Every structure is written in C-alpha cells, then in structure tokens.
Amino acid sequence: MRDKTKEKEKPAAKSAKPACEHYWVIEVANGPRSLGTCKYCGETREFFNAFPTYNPLRKNSNPLTLPKLPDVEIEEEDKS
C-alpha cells in the first residue's frame, strides 16, 4: 500500500499591503491649496481650491467677464 504524503504547502506570497480606498478630509479653503488627510490611513495630500490658470474647459480667464452683446437700434415712436 502506498503512503499518501501531503504535499508541502507553498509559502504564501507576501501579500502587498492592500491599497487604501481614501476618504479625504480636506481643510477649509484658505488660499490656492488645502491640505487633505485620509480618514483611514493618515496619508496627506495637497488639493487645489480652484482650477489652475490653464483650463481648456474655460474660454477666458476671468469668470466675471460678460459676453459682448450685439448692438441693437431702438426705433423711436411718435407721440402724436
């Protein structure tokens, strides 16, 4: 009768530390950037409070600039 021997289990590969799914707690905006800290792992990172000066989605750099309106002639009515 043959003895069944157990195969030696291969040592488990060192599992990398699982990536944290960050939950950022960001400081109140006070300047162009704010510091954020992950609620779970404590990692810190800087966040912009506004878009940088170049933004392809923005047509002009000043958000308060109004579009130019076409000139319209107003016809005067006779008061007779």
PDB file of N, CA and C in Angstrom:
ATOM      1  N   MET A   1       0.833  -1.163   0.000  1.00  0.00           N
ATOM      2  CA  MET A   1       0.000   0.000   0.000  1.00  0.00           C
ATOM      3  C   MET A   1       0.891   1.244   0.000  1.00  0.00           C
ATOM      4  N   ARG A   2       0.469   2.136  -0.724  1.00  0.00           N
ATOM      5  CA  ARG A   2       1.250   3.338  -0.892  1.00  0.00           C
ATOM      6  C   ARG A   2       0.852   4.382   0.130  1.00  0.00           C
ATOM      7  N   ASP A   3       1.810   4.999   0.732  1.00  0.00           N
ATOM      8  CA  ASP A   3       1.513   6.065   1.697  1.00  0.00           C
ATOM      9  C   ASP A   3       1.259   7.356   0.937  1.00  0.00           C
ATOM     10  N   LYS A   4       0.209   7.974   1.299  1.00  0.00           N
ATOM     11  CA  LYS A   4      -0.070   9.279   0.693  1.00  0.00           C
ATOM     12  C   LYS A   4       0.615  10.329   1.553  1.00  0.00           C
ATOM     13  N   THR A   5       1.457  11.037   0.928  1.00  0.00           N
ATOM     14  CA  THR A   5       2.133  12.102   1.670  1.00  0.00           C
ATOM     15  C   THR A   5       1.536  13.440   1.275  1.00  0.00           C
ATOM     16  N   LYS A   6       1.464  14.245   2.224  1.00  0.00           N
ATOM     17  CA  LYS A   6       0.927  15.579   1.957  1.00  0.00           C
ATOM     18  C   LYS A   6       1.997  16.403   1.261  1.00  0.00           C
ATOM     19  N   GLU A   7       1.554  17.085   0.245  1.00  0.00           N
ATOM     20  CA  GLU A   7       2.498  17.976  -0.409  1.00  0.00           C
ATOM     21  C   GLU A   7       2.721  19.172   0.503  1.00  0.00           C
ATOM     22  N   LYS A   8       3.937  19.576   0.525  1.00  0.00           N
ATOM     23  CA  LYS A   8       4.226  20.756   1.333  1.00  0.00           C
ATOM     24  C   LYS A   8       3.531  21.952   0.708  1.00  0.00           C
ATOM     25  N   GLU A   9       2.854  22.662   1.547  1.00  0.00           N
ATOM     26  CA  GLU A   9       2.172  23.841   1.039  1.00  0.00           C
ATOM     27  C   GLU A   9       3.206  24.898   0.697  1.00  0.00           C
ATOM     28  N   LYS A  10       3.013  25.491  -0.434  1.00  0.00           N
ATOM     29  CA  LYS A  10       3.928  26.547  -0.840  1.00  0.00           C
ATOM     30  C   LYS A  10       3.674  27.747   0.055  1.00  0.00           C
ATOM     31  N   PRO A  11       4.736  28.368   0.498  1.00  0.00           N
ATOM     32  CA  PRO A  11       4.517  29.549   1.345  1.00  0.00           C
ATOM     33  C   PRO A  11       3.769  30.614   0.549  1.00  0.00           C
ATOM     34  N   ALA A  12       2.807  31.193   1.190  1.00  0.00           N
ATOM     35  CA  ALA A  12       2.010  32.231   0.521  1.00  0.00           C
ATOM     36  C   ALA A  12       2.910  33.403   0.162  1.00  0.00           C
ATOM     37  N   ALA A  13       2.712  33.891  -1.027  1.00  0.00           N
ATOM     38  CA  ALA A  13       3.497  35.042  -1.455  1.00  0.00           C
ATOM     39  C   ALA A  13       3.180  36.200  -0.515  1.00  0.00           C
ATOM     40  N   LYS A  14       4.204  36.965  -0.245  1.00  0.00           N
ATOM     41  CA  LYS A  14       3.984  38.101   0.640  1.00  0.00           C
ATOM     42  C   LYS A  14       2.951  39.002  -0.009  1.00  0.00           C
ATOM     43  N   SER A  15       1.849  39.094   0.636  1.00  0.00           N
ATOM     44  CA  SER A  15       0.798  39.924   0.055  1.00  0.00           C
ATOM     45  C   SER A  15       1.125  41.387   0.322  1.00  0.00           C
ATOM     46  N   ALA A  16       0.998  42.152  -0.722  1.00  0.00           N
ATOM     47  CA  ALA A  16       1.254  43.580  -0.581  1.00  0.00           C
ATOM     48  C   ALA A  16       0.160  44.175   0.290  1.00  0.00           C
ATOM     49  N   LYS A  17       0.510  45.214   0.959  1.00  0.00           N
ATOM     50  CA  LYS A  17      -0.461  45.887   1.807  1.00  0.00           C
ATOM     51  C   LYS A  17      -1.624  46.325   0.922  1.00  0.00           C
ATOM     52  N   PRO A  18      -2.852  45.976   1.291  1.00  0.00           N
ATOM     53  CA  PRO A  18      -3.976  46.355   0.433  1.00  0.00           C
ATOM     54  C   PRO A  18      -4.073  47.877   0.305  1.00  0.00           C
ATOM     55  N   ALA A  19      -4.393  48.298  -0.899  1.00  0.00           N
ATOM     56  CA  ALA A  19      -4.488  49.737  -1.158  1.00  0.00           C
ATOM     57  C   ALA A  19      -5.654  50.327  -0.377  1.00  0.00           C
ATOM     58  N   CYS A  20      -5.418  51.472   0.164  1.00  0.00           N
ATOM     59  CA  CYS A  20      -6.455  52.155   0.931  1.00  0.00           C
ATOM     60  C   CYS A  20      -7.414  52.847  -0.033  1.00  0.00           C
ATOM     61  N   GLU A  21      -8.672  52.717   0.205  1.00  0.00           N
ATOM     62  CA  GLU A  21      -9.662  53.490  -0.539  1.00  0.00           C
ATOM     63  C   GLU A  21      -9.862  54.768   0.264  1.00  0.00           C
ATOM     64  N   HIS A  22      -9.103  55.783  -0.136  1.00  0.00           N
ATOM     65  CA  HIS A  22      -9.018  57.010   0.654  1.00  0.00           C
ATOM     66  C   HIS A  22     -10.356  57.714   0.843  1.00  0.00           C
ATOM     67  N   TYR A  23     -10.527  58.258   2.020  1.00  0.00           N
ATOM     68  CA  TYR A  23     -11.652  59.124   2.361  1.00  0.00           C
ATOM     69  C   TYR A  23     -10.991  60.408   2.822  1.00  0.00           C
ATOM     70  N   TRP A  24     -10.908  61.389   1.895  1.00  0.00           N
ATOM     71  CA  TRP A  24     -10.151  62.595   2.181  1.00  0.00           C
ATOM     72  C   TRP A  24     -10.952  63.585   3.018  1.00  0.00           C
ATOM     73  N   VAL A  25     -10.323  64.059   4.080  1.00  0.00           N
ATOM     74  CA  VAL A  25     -10.866  65.139   4.897  1.00  0.00           C
ATOM     75  C   VAL A  25      -9.989  66.343   4.571  1.00  0.00           C
ATOM     76  N   ILE A  26     -10.589  67.344   3.913  1.00  0.00           N
ATOM     77  CA  ILE A  26      -9.826  68.477   3.389  1.00  0.00           C
ATOM     78  C   ILE A  26     -10.099  69.713   4.224  1.00  0.00           C
ATOM     79  N   GLU A  27      -9.008  70.448   4.518  1.00  0.00           N
ATOM     80  CA  GLU A  27      -9.122  71.680   5.297  1.00  0.00           C
ATOM     81  C   GLU A  27     -10.024  72.689   4.597  1.00  0.00           C
ATOM     82  N   VAL A  28     -10.475  73.667   5.341  1.00  0.00           N
ATOM     83  CA  VAL A  28     -11.259  74.753   4.776  1.00  0.00           C
ATOM     84  C   VAL A  28     -10.373  75.542   3.816  1.00  0.00           C
ATOM     85  N   ALA A  29     -10.945  75.974   2.703  1.00  0.00           N
ATOM     86  CA  ALA A  29     -10.178  76.718   1.696  1.00  0.00           C
ATOM     87  C   ALA A  29      -9.642  78.014   2.288  1.00  0.00           C
ATOM     88  N   ASN A  30      -8.322  78.163   2.238  1.00  0.00           N
ATOM     89  CA  ASN A  30      -7.675  79.374   2.710  1.00  0.00           C
ATOM     90  C   ASN A  30      -6.436  79.565   1.848  1.00  0.00           C
ATOM     91  N   GLY A  31      -6.631  80.055   0.636  1.00  0.00           N
ATOM     92  CA  GLY A  31      -5.529  80.200  -0.304  1.00  0.00           C
ATOM     93  C   GLY A  31      -5.745  79.282  -1.495  1.00  0.00           C
ATOM     94  N   PRO A  32      -4.727  79.148  -2.356  1.00  0.00           N
ATOM     95  CA  PRO A  32      -4.885  78.363  -3.580  1.00  0.00           C
ATOM     96  C   PRO A  32      -4.922  76.847  -3.344  1.00  0.00           C
ATOM     97  N   ARG A  33      -4.379  76.387  -2.228  1.00  0.00           N
ATOM     98  CA  ARG A  33      -4.342  74.952  -1.957  1.00  0.00           C
ATOM     99  C   ARG A  33      -4.756  74.666  -0.521  1.00  0.00           C
ATOM    100  N   SER A  34      -5.271  73.443  -0.306  1.00  0.00           N
ATOM    101  CA  SER A  34      -5.617  72.989   1.031  1.00  0.00           C
ATOM    102  C   SER A  34      -5.029  71.601   1.255  1.00  0.00           C
ATOM    103  N   LEU A  35      -4.706  71.312   2.490  1.00  0.00           N
ATOM    104  CA  LEU A  35      -4.141  70.014   2.833  1.00  0.00           C
ATOM    105  C   LEU A  35      -5.261  69.050   3.176  1.00  0.00           C
ATOM    106  N   GLY A  36      -5.180  67.839   2.635  1.00  0.00           N
ATOM    107  CA  GLY A  36      -6.172  66.809   2.920  1.00  0.00           C
ATOM    108  C   GLY A  36      -5.511  65.621   3.591  1.00  0.00           C
ATOM    109  N   THR A  37      -6.205  64.979   4.515  1.00  0.00           N
ATOM    110  CA  THR A  37      -5.704  63.813   5.234  1.00  0.00           C
ATOM    111  C   THR A  37      -6.711  62.687   5.091  1.00  0.00           C
ATOM    112  N   CYS A  38      -6.206  61.467   4.797  1.00  0.00           N
ATOM    113  CA  CYS A  38      -7.096  60.317   4.671  1.00  0.00           C
ATOM    114  C   CYS A  38      -7.592  59.922   6.057  1.00  0.00           C
ATOM    115  N   LYS A  39      -8.896  59.719   6.151  1.00  0.00           N
ATOM    116  CA  LYS A  39      -9.531  59.361   7.422  1.00  0.00           C
ATOM    117  C   LYS A  39      -9.074  57.988   7.901  1.00  0.00           C
ATOM    118  N   TYR A  40      -8.731  57.090   6.959  1.00  0.00           N
ATOM    119  CA  TYR A  40      -8.395  55.714   7.315  1.00  0.00           C
ATOM    120  C   TYR A  40      -6.901  55.469   7.525  1.00  0.00           C
ATOM    121  N   CYS A  41      -6.063  55.930   6.582  1.00  0.00           N
ATOM    122  CA  CYS A  41      -4.636  55.579   6.679  1.00  0.00           C
ATOM    123  C   CYS A  41      -3.749  56.737   7.115  1.00  0.00           C
ATOM    124  N   GLY A  42      -4.272  57.963   7.135  1.00  0.00           N
ATOM    125  CA  GLY A  42      -3.494  59.101   7.595  1.00  0.00           C
ATOM    126  C   GLY A  42      -2.613  59.735   6.534  1.00  0.00           C
ATOM    127  N   GLU A  43      -2.665  59.243   5.285  1.00  0.00           N
ATOM    128  CA  GLU A  43      -1.860  59.834   4.212  1.00  0.00           C
ATOM    129  C   GLU A  43      -2.318  61.262   3.984  1.00  0.00           C
ATOM    130  N   THR A  44      -1.364  62.154   3.657  1.00  0.00           N
ATOM    131  CA  THR A  44      -1.712  63.542   3.406  1.00  0.00           C
ATOM    132  C   THR A  44      -1.431  63.887   1.951  1.00  0.00           C
ATOM    133  N   ARG A  45      -2.178  64.871   1.435  1.00  0.00           N
ATOM    134  CA  ARG A  45      -2.029  65.287   0.049  1.00  0.00           C
ATOM    135  C   ARG A  45      -2.561  66.704  -0.082  1.00  0.00           C
ATOM    136  N   GLU A  46      -1.993  67.472  -1.035  1.00  0.00           N
ATOM    137  CA  GLU A  46      -2.462  68.828  -1.295  1.00  0.00           C
ATOM    138  C   GLU A  46      -3.535  68.802  -2.364  1.00  0.00           C
ATOM    139  N   PHE A  47      -4.563  69.629  -2.195  1.00  0.00           N
ATOM    140  CA  PHE A  47      -5.643  69.745  -3.163  1.00  0.00           C
ATOM    141  C   PHE A  47      -5.763  71.197  -3.587  1.00  0.00           C
ATOM    142  N   PHE A  48      -6.040  71.426  -4.885  1.00  0.00           N
ATOM    143  CA  PHE A  48      -6.255  72.773  -5.395  1.00  0.00           C
ATOM    144  C   PHE A  48      -7.655  73.234  -5.008  1.00  0.00           C
ATOM    145  N   ASN A  49      -7.777  74.493  -4.611  1.00  0.00           N
ATOM    146  CA  ASN A  49      -9.076  75.055  -4.280  1.00  0.00           C
ATOM    147  C   ASN A  49      -9.761  75.645  -5.510  1.00  0.00           C
ATOM    148  N   ALA A  50      -9.006  75.822  -6.589  1.00  0.00           N
ATOM    149  CA  ALA A  50      -9.554  76.335  -7.842  1.00  0.00           C
ATOM    150  C   ALA A  50      -8.764  75.727  -8.981  1.00  0.00           C
ATOM    151  N   PHE A  51      -9.290  75.867 -10.176  1.00  0.00           N
ATOM    152  CA  PHE A  51      -8.557  75.358 -11.326  1.00  0.00           C
ATOM    153  C   PHE A  51      -7.264  76.131 -11.495  1.00  0.00           C
ATOM    154  N   PRO A  52      -6.237  75.485 -11.985  1.00  0.00           N
ATOM    155  CA  PRO A  52      -5.024  76.232 -12.309  1.00  0.00           C
ATOM    156  C   PRO A  52      -5.331  77.250 -13.417  1.00  0.00           C
ATOM    157  N   THR A  53      -4.393  78.133 -13.711  1.00  0.00           N
ATOM    158  CA  THR A  53      -4.661  79.200 -14.671  1.00  0.00           C
ATOM    159  C   THR A  53      -5.042  78.655 -16.042  1.00  0.00           C
ATOM    160  N   TYR A  54      -4.446  77.557 -16.481  1.00  0.00           N
ATOM    161  CA  TYR A  54      -4.823  76.985 -17.771  1.00  0.00           C
ATOM    162  C   TYR A  54      -5.891  75.927 -17.567  1.00  0.00           C
ATOM    163  N   ASN A  55      -7.018  76.129 -18.185  1.00  0.00           N
ATOM    164  CA  ASN A  55      -8.095  75.152 -18.126  1.00  0.00           C
ATOM    165  C   ASN A  55      -8.759  75.134 -19.493  1.00  0.00           C
ATOM    166  N   PRO A  56      -8.644  74.030 -20.226  1.00  0.00           N
ATOM    167  CA  PRO A  56      -9.218  74.000 -21.573  1.00  0.00           C
ATOM    168  C   PRO A  56     -10.737  74.117 -21.585  1.00  0.00           C
ATOM    169  N   LEU A  57     -11.393  73.896 -20.451  1.00  0.00           N
ATOM    170  CA  LEU A  57     -12.841  74.000 -20.405  1.00  0.00           C
ATOM    171  C   LEU A  57     -13.320  75.443 -20.258  1.00  0.00           C
ATOM    172  N   ARG A  58     -12.444  76.296 -19.796  1.00  0.00           N
ATOM    173  CA  ARG A  58     -12.806  77.690 -19.584  1.00  0.00           C
ATOM    174  C   ARG A  58     -12.349  78.507 -20.790  1.00  0.00           C
ATOM    175  N   LYS A  59     -13.254  79.324 -21.351  1.00  0.00           N
ATOM    176  CA  LYS A  59     -12.922  80.091 -22.555  1.00  0.00           C
ATOM    177  C   LYS A  59     -12.056  81.306 -22.242  1.00  0.00           C
ATOM    178  N   ASN A  60     -12.300  81.964 -21.154  1.00  0.00           N
ATOM    179  CA  ASN A  60     -11.480  83.121 -20.790  1.00  0.00           C
ATOM    180  C   ASN A  60     -11.032  82.964 -19.343  1.00  0.00           C
ATOM    181  N   SER A  61     -10.081  83.768 -18.958  1.00  0.00           N
ATOM    182  CA  SER A  61      -9.519  83.591 -17.628  1.00  0.00           C
ATOM    183  C   SER A  61     -10.339  84.267 -16.526  1.00  0.00           C
ATOM    184  N   ASN A  62     -11.188  85.224 -16.874  1.00  0.00           N
ATOM    185  CA  ASN A  62     -11.956  85.943 -15.864  1.00  0.00           C
ATOM    186  C   ASN A  62     -13.410  85.476 -15.897  1.00  0.00           C
ATOM    187  N   PRO A  63     -13.873  84.793 -14.852  1.00  0.00           N
ATOM    188  CA  PRO A  63     -15.246  84.294 -14.868  1.00  0.00           C
ATOM    189  C   PRO A  63     -16.299  85.390 -14.764  1.00  0.00           C
ATOM    190  N   LEU A  64     -15.895  86.611 -14.402  1.00  0.00           N
ATOM    191  CA  LEU A  64     -16.859  87.699 -14.263  1.00  0.00           C
ATOM    192  C   LEU A  64     -17.047  88.492 -15.555  1.00  0.00           C
ATOM    193  N   THR A  65     -16.284  88.187 -16.585  1.00  0.00           N
ATOM    194  CA  THR A  65     -16.409  88.881 -17.857  1.00  0.00           C
ATOM    195  C   THR A  65     -17.691  88.428 -18.545  1.00  0.00           C
ATOM    196  N   LEU A  66     -18.502  89.411 -18.939  1.00  0.00           N
ATOM    197  CA  LEU A  66     -19.757  89.098 -19.620  1.00  0.00           C
ATOM    198  C   LEU A  66     -19.523  89.014 -21.124  1.00  0.00           C
ATOM    199  N   PRO A  67     -20.313  88.211 -21.810  1.00  0.00           N
ATOM    200  CA  PRO A  67     -20.157  88.142 -23.262  1.00  0.00           C
ATOM    201  C   PRO A  67     -20.591  89.458 -23.902  1.00  0.00           C
ATOM    202  N   LYS A  68     -20.010  89.782 -25.047  1.00  0.00           N
ATOM    203  CA  LYS A  68     -20.364  91.017 -25.739  1.00  0.00           C
ATOM    204  C   LYS A  68     -21.734  90.831 -26.384  1.00  0.00           C
ATOM    205  N   LEU A  69     -22.611  91.794 -26.138  1.00  0.00           N
ATOM    206  CA  LEU A  69     -23.959  91.750 -26.697  1.00  0.00           C
ATOM    207  C   LEU A  69     -23.986  92.509 -28.021  1.00  0.00           C
ATOM    208  N   PRO A  70     -24.797  92.058 -28.957  1.00  0.00           N
ATOM    209  CA  PRO A  70     -24.872  92.759 -30.245  1.00  0.00           C
ATOM    210  C   PRO A  70     -25.531  94.128 -30.071  1.00  0.00           C
ATOM    211  N   ASP A  71     -25.112  95.085 -30.896  1.00  0.00           N
ATOM    212  CA  ASP A  71     -25.708  96.426 -30.861  1.00  0.00           C
ATOM    213  C   ASP A  71     -27.108  96.341 -31.458  1.00  0.00           C
ATOM    214  N   VAL A  72     -28.062  96.956 -30.761  1.00  0.00           N
ATOM    215  CA  VAL A  72     -29.446  96.943 -31.215  1.00  0.00           C
ATOM    216  C   VAL A  72     -29.913  98.382 -31.376  1.00  0.00           C
ATOM    217  N   GLU A  73     -30.516  98.664 -32.505  1.00  0.00           N
ATOM    218  CA  GLU A  73     -31.041 100.004 -32.735  1.00  0.00           C
ATOM    219  C   GLU A  73     -32.474 100.064 -32.225  1.00  0.00           C
ATOM    220  N   ILE A  74     -32.786 101.138 -31.533  1.00  0.00           N
ATOM    221  CA  ILE A  74     -34.128 101.288 -30.973  1.00  0.00           C
ATOM    222  C   ILE A  74     -34.888 102.312 -31.816  1.00  0.00           C
ATOM    223  N   GLU A  75     -36.042 101.911 -32.283  1.00  0.00           N
ATOM    224  CA  GLU A  75     -36.865 102.823 -33.078  1.00  0.00           C
ATOM    225  C   GLU A  75     -37.673 103.706 -32.143  1.00  0.00           C
ATOM    226  N   GLU A  76     -37.664 104.994 -32.400  1.00  0.00           N
ATOM    227  CA  GLU A  76     -38.427 105.918 -31.569  1.00  0.00           C
ATOM    228  C   GLU A  76     -39.861 105.992 -32.083  1.00  0.00           C
ATOM    229  N   GLU A  77     -40.785 106.037 -31.156  1.00  0.00           N
ATOM    230  CA  GLU A  77     -42.195 106.119 -31.527  1.00  0.00           C
ATOM    231  C   GLU A  77     -42.638 107.588 -31.525  1.00  0.00           C
ATOM    232  N   ASP A  78     -43.543 107.914 -32.443  1.00  0.00           N
ATOM    233  CA  ASP A  78     -44.102 109.274 -32.479  1.00  0.00           C
ATOM    234  C   ASP A  78     -45.142 109.404 -31.375  1.00  0.00           C
ATOM    235  N   LYS A  79     -45.118 110.515 -30.665  1.00  0.00           N
ATOM    236  CA  LYS A  79     -46.079 110.732 -29.578  1.00  0.00           C
ATOM    237  C   LYS A  79     -47.242 111.602 -30.047  1.00  0.00           C
ATOM    238  N   SER A  80     -47.620 111.585 -31.283  1.00  0.00           N
ATOM    239  CA  SER A  80     -48.710 112.418 -31.757  1.00  0.00           C
ATOM    240  C   SER A  80     -50.033 111.716 -31.687  1.00  0.00           C
TER     241      SER A  80
END
